[in-house]
């Protein structure tokens, strides 16, 4: 029926738009990615991931992937950070922040606390001139790609690119650490 064809066409359009975002992300990957990986590899303690909203869901997954593949990591919800969870940060950590706009107000006290403790910041956002990208030691800029949502409201392409970038970081770190199937099995 025509309605089913429209539904399938929507699905195809969304997936193809997200694929275009991933292609643009791959083309934009530069030396900052390598420096971020080296920063994590040289961390004395943990990778602390922090975000809010849909970016927070991505951040939770990235943190879990890091931990499951041999890099100590945990997630702090950006809203909880200014209500006591900033105490979880310690010298020797690396902070990874996700924000599509790079202007999430709840991330500002987290960035300030990281600066006080000399914690390096890996920022992942889509606006080069945003607060997060200006303050990050390792700004990983997402390409300016349209969201797959026709009204550009629902985060779609942006969160797919965030997830892929987080996976790329985790796998690069795994490979650099020589994580084997046997070593990973000990974590599962």
C-alpha atoms as a PDB file:
ATOM      1  CA  UNK A   1       0.000   0.000   0.000  1.00  0.00           C
ATOM      2  CA  UNK A   2       1.102   3.612  -0.496  1.00  0.00           C
ATOM      3  CA  UNK A   3       1.269   4.256   3.267  1.00  0.00           C
ATOM      4  CA  UNK A   4       3.726   1.374   3.726  1.00  0.00           C
ATOM      5  CA  UNK A   5       5.874   2.723   0.898  1.00  0.00           C
ATOM      6  CA  UNK A   6       5.952   6.128   2.644  1.00  0.00           C
ATOM      7  CA  UNK A   7       6.986   4.506   5.917  1.00  0.00           C
ATOM      8  CA  UNK A   8       9.783   2.584   4.235  1.00  0.00           C
ATOM      9  CA  UNK A   9      10.876   5.735   2.372  1.00  0.00           C
ATOM     10  CA  UNK A  10      11.111   7.590   5.681  1.00  0.00           C
ATOM     11  CA  UNK A  11      13.228   4.829   7.171  1.00  0.00           C
ATOM     12  CA  UNK A  12      15.548   4.843   4.180  1.00  0.00           C
ATOM     13  CA  UNK A  13      15.841   8.644   4.244  1.00  0.00           C
ATOM     14  CA  UNK A  14      16.768   8.669   7.936  1.00  0.00           C
ATOM     15  CA  UNK A  15      19.361   5.919   7.598  1.00  0.00           C
ATOM     16  CA  UNK A  16      20.903   7.487   4.497  1.00  0.00           C
ATOM     17  CA  UNK A  17      21.112  10.894   6.198  1.00  0.00           C
ATOM     18  CA  UNK A  18      22.870   9.346   9.187  1.00  0.00           C
ATOM     19  CA  UNK A  19      25.253   7.483   6.853  1.00  0.00           C
ATOM     20  CA  UNK A  20      26.139  10.834   5.252  1.00  0.00           C
ATOM     21  CA  UNK A  21      26.877  12.190   8.715  1.00  0.00           C
ATOM     22  CA  UNK A  22      29.176   9.253   9.436  1.00  0.00           C
ATOM     23  CA  UNK A  23      30.990   9.748   6.123  1.00  0.00           C
ATOM     24  CA  UNK A  24      31.528  13.426   6.935  1.00  0.00           C
ATOM     25  CA  UNK A  25      32.763  12.487  10.418  1.00  0.00           C
ATOM     26  CA  UNK A  26      35.265  10.005   8.969  1.00  0.00           C
ATOM     27  CA  UNK A  27      36.515  12.602   6.487  1.00  0.00           C
ATOM     28  CA  UNK A  28      36.939  15.186   9.273  1.00  0.00           C
ATOM     29  CA  UNK A  29      38.896  12.950  11.685  1.00  0.00           C
ATOM     30  CA  UNK A  30      42.231  14.650  12.325  1.00  0.00           C
ATOM     31  CA  UNK A  31      45.231  14.595  14.649  1.00  0.00           C
ATOM     32  CA  UNK A  32      43.108  15.814  17.581  1.00  0.00           C
ATOM     33  CA  UNK A  33      41.563  12.332  17.645  1.00  0.00           C
ATOM     34  CA  UNK A  34      45.025  10.765  18.025  1.00  0.00           C
ATOM     35  CA  UNK A  35      45.943  13.255  20.753  1.00  0.00           C
ATOM     36  CA  UNK A  36      42.711  12.469  22.637  1.00  0.00           C
ATOM     37  CA  UNK A  37      43.502   8.747  22.499  1.00  0.00           C
ATOM     38  CA  UNK A  38      47.042   9.402  23.784  1.00  0.00           C
ATOM     39  CA  UNK A  39      45.613  11.549  26.584  1.00  0.00           C
ATOM     40  CA  UNK A  40      43.341   8.711  27.699  1.00  0.00           C
ATOM     41  CA  UNK A  41      46.140   6.156  27.428  1.00  0.00           C
ATOM     42  CA  UNK A  42      48.336   8.285  29.695  1.00  0.00           C
ATOM     43  CA  UNK A  43      45.612   8.985  32.274  1.00  0.00           C
ATOM     44  CA  UNK A  44      46.553   8.055  35.821  1.00  0.00           C
ATOM     45  CA  UNK A  45      42.977   7.297  36.805  1.00  0.00           C
ATOM     46  CA  UNK A  46      39.639   7.180  34.985  1.00  0.00           C
ATOM     47  CA  UNK A  47      37.797   8.618  32.040  1.00  0.00           C
ATOM     48  CA  UNK A  48      34.868  10.551  33.454  1.00  0.00           C
ATOM     49  CA  UNK A  49      32.121  11.092  30.892  1.00  0.00           C
ATOM     50  CA  UNK A  50      29.554  13.834  31.410  1.00  0.00           C
ATOM     51  CA  UNK A  51      26.586  15.039  29.349  1.00  0.00           C
ATOM     52  CA  UNK A  52      22.871  15.806  29.455  1.00  0.00           C
ATOM     53  CA  UNK A  53      19.797  14.747  27.475  1.00  0.00           C
ATOM     54  CA  UNK A  54      20.252  12.587  24.384  1.00  0.00           C
ATOM     55  CA  UNK A  55      23.984  13.318  24.486  1.00  0.00           C
ATOM     56  CA  UNK A  56      23.882  11.889  28.008  1.00  0.00           C
ATOM     57  CA  UNK A  57      22.472   8.609  26.724  1.00  0.00           C
ATOM     58  CA  UNK A  58      25.334   8.461  24.232  1.00  0.00           C
ATOM     59  CA  UNK A  59      27.832   9.357  26.953  1.00  0.00           C
ATOM     60  CA  UNK A  60      26.570   6.545  29.199  1.00  0.00           C
ATOM     61  CA  UNK A  61      27.070   4.059  26.379  1.00  0.00           C
ATOM     62  CA  UNK A  62      30.551   5.356  25.542  1.00  0.00           C
ATOM     63  CA  UNK A  63      31.573   5.198  29.205  1.00  0.00           C
ATOM     64  CA  UNK A  64      30.267   1.621  29.457  1.00  0.00           C
ATOM     65  CA  UNK A  65      32.157   0.640  26.297  1.00  0.00           C
ATOM     66  CA  UNK A  66      35.380   2.118  27.661  1.00  0.00           C
ATOM     67  CA  UNK A  67      34.980   0.295  30.977  1.00  0.00           C
ATOM     68  CA  UNK A  68      34.088  -3.005  29.297  1.00  0.00           C
ATOM     69  CA  UNK A  69      37.172  -2.784  27.110  1.00  0.00           C
ATOM     70  CA  UNK A  70      39.752  -2.104  29.811  1.00  0.00           C
ATOM     71  CA  UNK A  71      39.641   1.671  30.383  1.00  0.00           C
ATOM     72  CA  UNK A  72      38.252   2.588  33.813  1.00  0.00           C
ATOM     73  CA  UNK A  73      35.345   4.952  33.215  1.00  0.00           C
ATOM     74  CA  UNK A  74      32.119   6.181  34.730  1.00  0.00           C
ATOM     75  CA  UNK A  75      29.342   8.583  33.792  1.00  0.00           C
ATOM     76  CA  UNK A  76      28.243  11.717  35.659  1.00  0.00           C
ATOM     77  CA  UNK A  77      24.895  13.262  34.731  1.00  0.00           C
ATOM     78  CA  UNK A  78      25.536  16.960  34.069  1.00  0.00           C
ATOM     79  CA  UNK A  79      22.611  18.080  36.270  1.00  0.00           C
ATOM     80  CA  UNK A  80      23.855  16.000  39.193  1.00  0.00           C
ATOM     81  CA  UNK A  81      27.389  17.348  38.834  1.00  0.00           C
ATOM     82  CA  UNK A  82      26.599  20.696  40.444  1.00  0.00           C
ATOM     83  CA  UNK A  83      24.684  18.959  43.241  1.00  0.00           C
ATOM     84  CA  UNK A  84      27.691  17.163  44.696  1.00  0.00           C
ATOM     85  CA  UNK A  85      28.858  14.830  41.953  1.00  0.00           C
ATOM     86  CA  UNK A  86      31.728  17.185  41.041  1.00  0.00           C
ATOM     87  CA  UNK A  87      33.386  15.561  44.060  1.00  0.00           C
ATOM     88  CA  UNK A  88      33.826  12.441  41.934  1.00  0.00           C
ATOM     89  CA  UNK A  89      36.455  14.208  39.806  1.00  0.00           C
ATOM     90  CA  UNK A  90      40.061  13.842  40.887  1.00  0.00           C
ATOM     91  CA  UNK A  91      43.465  14.820  39.606  1.00  0.00           C
ATOM     92  CA  UNK A  92      44.705  12.241  37.125  1.00  0.00           C
ATOM     93  CA  UNK A  93      41.283  11.765  35.522  1.00  0.00           C
ATOM     94  CA  UNK A  94      40.389  12.648  31.947  1.00  0.00           C
ATOM     95  CA  UNK A  95      37.037  14.327  31.350  1.00  0.00           C
ATOM     96  CA  UNK A  96      35.021  13.614  28.202  1.00  0.00           C
ATOM     97  CA  UNK A  97      32.045  15.917  27.592  1.00  0.00           C
ATOM     98  CA  UNK A  98      29.312  15.482  24.983  1.00  0.00           C
ATOM     99  CA  UNK A  99      27.059  18.372  23.905  1.00  0.00           C
ATOM    100  CA  UNK A 100      25.615  18.874  20.448  1.00  0.00           C
ATOM    101  CA  UNK A 101      25.504  22.656  20.823  1.00  0.00           C
ATOM    102  CA  UNK A 102      28.581  22.871  23.025  1.00  0.00           C
ATOM    103  CA  UNK A 103      26.646  25.412  25.103  1.00  0.00           C
ATOM    104  CA  UNK A 104      24.914  23.146  27.651  1.00  0.00           C
ATOM    105  CA  UNK A 105      24.878  25.396  30.766  1.00  0.00           C
ATOM    106  CA  UNK A 106      25.151  22.448  33.162  1.00  0.00           C
ATOM    107  CA  UNK A 107      28.574  21.578  31.718  1.00  0.00           C
ATOM    108  CA  UNK A 108      30.140  24.920  32.644  1.00  0.00           C
ATOM    109  CA  UNK A 109      30.767  24.109  36.348  1.00  0.00           C
ATOM    110  CA  UNK A 110      32.157  20.724  35.291  1.00  0.00           C
ATOM    111  CA  UNK A 111      34.641  22.409  32.944  1.00  0.00           C
ATOM    112  CA  UNK A 112      35.567  24.908  35.680  1.00  0.00           C
ATOM    113  CA  UNK A 113      36.182  22.113  38.199  1.00  0.00           C
ATOM    114  CA  UNK A 114      38.311  20.236  35.672  1.00  0.00           C
ATOM    115  CA  UNK A 115      40.428  23.361  35.175  1.00  0.00           C
ATOM    116  CA  UNK A 116      40.896  23.700  38.953  1.00  0.00           C
ATOM    117  CA  UNK A 117      42.146  20.111  39.136  1.00  0.00           C
ATOM    118  CA  UNK A 118      44.228  20.273  35.920  1.00  0.00           C
ATOM    119  CA  UNK A 119      42.061  17.551  34.373  1.00  0.00           C
ATOM    120  CA  UNK A 120      42.303  17.455  30.569  1.00  0.00           C
ATOM    121  CA  UNK A 121      38.998  17.875  28.741  1.00  0.00           C
ATOM    122  CA  UNK A 122      37.942  16.058  25.596  1.00  0.00           C
ATOM    123  CA  UNK A 123      35.005  17.963  24.142  1.00  0.00           C
ATOM    124  CA  UNK A 124      32.646  16.551  21.535  1.00  0.00           C
ATOM    125  CA  UNK A 125      30.245  19.056  19.974  1.00  0.00           C
ATOM    126  CA  UNK A 126      29.095  20.412  16.627  1.00  0.00           C
ATOM    127  CA  UNK A 127      29.842  24.138  17.025  1.00  0.00           C
ATOM    128  CA  UNK A 128      33.499  25.140  16.768  1.00  0.00           C
ATOM    129  CA  UNK A 129      33.015  28.474  18.542  1.00  0.00           C
ATOM    130  CA  UNK A 130      30.963  27.053  21.408  1.00  0.00           C
ATOM    131  CA  UNK A 131      31.960  27.258  25.060  1.00  0.00           C
ATOM    132  CA  UNK A 132      32.865  23.567  25.172  1.00  0.00           C
ATOM    133  CA  UNK A 133      35.009  23.607  22.048  1.00  0.00           C
ATOM    134  CA  UNK A 134      36.838  26.758  23.180  1.00  0.00           C
ATOM    135  CA  UNK A 135      37.570  25.299  26.622  1.00  0.00           C
ATOM    136  CA  UNK A 136      38.402  21.704  25.592  1.00  0.00           C
ATOM    137  CA  UNK A 137      42.028  20.626  25.476  1.00  0.00           C
ATOM    138  CA  UNK A 138      41.027  18.144  22.786  1.00  0.00           C
ATOM    139  CA  UNK A 139      38.047  19.511  20.815  1.00  0.00           C
ATOM    140  CA  UNK A 140      36.546  16.807  18.594  1.00  0.00           C
ATOM    141  CA  UNK A 141      34.252  18.725  16.282  1.00  0.00           C
ATOM    142  CA  UNK A 142      31.240  16.989  14.754  1.00  0.00           C
ATOM    143  CA  UNK A 143      30.631  17.965  11.126  1.00  0.00           C
ATOM    144  CA  UNK A 144      27.788  20.361  10.414  1.00  0.00           C
ATOM    145  CA  UNK A 145      25.274  17.874   9.080  1.00  0.00           C
ATOM    146  CA  UNK A 146      21.483  18.092   9.093  1.00  0.00           C
ATOM    147  CA  UNK A 147      19.530  15.995  11.544  1.00  0.00           C
ATOM    148  CA  UNK A 148      17.493  13.224   9.926  1.00  0.00           C
ATOM    149  CA  UNK A 149      14.395  14.549  11.697  1.00  0.00           C
ATOM    150  CA  UNK A 150      12.513  16.642   9.108  1.00  0.00           C
ATOM    151  CA  UNK A 151      11.953  19.428  11.654  1.00  0.00           C
ATOM    152  CA  UNK A 152      15.583  19.307  12.874  1.00  0.00           C
ATOM    153  CA  UNK A 153      14.273  18.880  16.408  1.00  0.00           C
ATOM    154  CA  UNK A 154      15.072  15.289  17.380  1.00  0.00           C
ATOM    155  CA  UNK A 155      18.794  14.573  17.719  1.00  0.00           C
ATOM    156  CA  UNK A 156      19.455  11.889  15.129  1.00  0.00           C
ATOM    157  CA  UNK A 157      22.465  12.416  12.877  1.00  0.00           C
ATOM    158  CA  UNK A 158      24.322  14.257  15.647  1.00  0.00           C
ATOM    159  CA  UNK A 159      23.876  11.463  18.197  1.00  0.00           C
ATOM    160  CA  UNK A 160      24.808   8.828  15.616  1.00  0.00           C
ATOM    161  CA  UNK A 161      28.049  10.717  14.944  1.00  0.00           C
ATOM    162  CA  UNK A 162      28.706  11.048  18.702  1.00  0.00           C
ATOM    163  CA  UNK A 163      28.191   7.323  19.187  1.00  0.00           C
ATOM    164  CA  UNK A 164      30.502   6.449  16.294  1.00  0.00           C
ATOM    165  CA  UNK A 165      33.188   8.827  17.546  1.00  0.00           C
ATOM    166  CA  UNK A 166      32.953   7.315  21.037  1.00  0.00           C
ATOM    167  CA  UNK A 167      33.242   3.817  19.569  1.00  0.00           C
ATOM    168  CA  UNK A 168      36.235   4.901  17.486  1.00  0.00           C
ATOM    169  CA  UNK A 169      37.956   6.261  20.600  1.00  0.00           C
ATOM    170  CA  UNK A 170      37.236   3.088  22.588  1.00  0.00           C
ATOM    171  CA  UNK A 171      38.453   0.736  19.866  1.00  0.00           C
ATOM    172  CA  UNK A 172      41.601   2.789  19.186  1.00  0.00           C
ATOM    173  CA  UNK A 173      42.377   2.711  22.915  1.00  0.00           C
ATOM    174  CA  UNK A 174      41.697  -1.033  23.059  1.00  0.00           C
ATOM    175  CA  UNK A 175      44.063  -1.685  20.178  1.00  0.00           C
ATOM    176  CA  UNK A 176      46.775   0.539  21.643  1.00  0.00           C
ATOM    177  CA  UNK A 177      46.493  -1.339  24.957  1.00  0.00           C
ATOM    178  CA  UNK A 178      46.662  -4.697  23.174  1.00  0.00           C
ATOM    179  CA  UNK A 179      43.325  -5.832  24.590  1.00  0.00           C
ATOM    180  CA  UNK A 180      42.855  -9.438  23.505  1.00  0.00           C
ATOM    181  CA  UNK A 181      39.730 -11.563  23.634  1.00  0.00           C
ATOM    182  CA  UNK A 182      41.198 -13.308  26.698  1.00  0.00           C
ATOM    183  CA  UNK A 183      41.861 -10.009  28.518  1.00  0.00           C
ATOM    184  CA  UNK A 184      38.378  -8.770  27.665  1.00  0.00           C
ATOM    185  CA  UNK A 185      36.802 -12.017  28.866  1.00  0.00           C
ATOM    186  CA  UNK A 186      38.179 -11.275  32.338  1.00  0.00           C
ATOM    187  CA  UNK A 187      36.009  -8.116  32.366  1.00  0.00           C
ATOM    188  CA  UNK A 188      32.778  -9.885  31.408  1.00  0.00           C
END
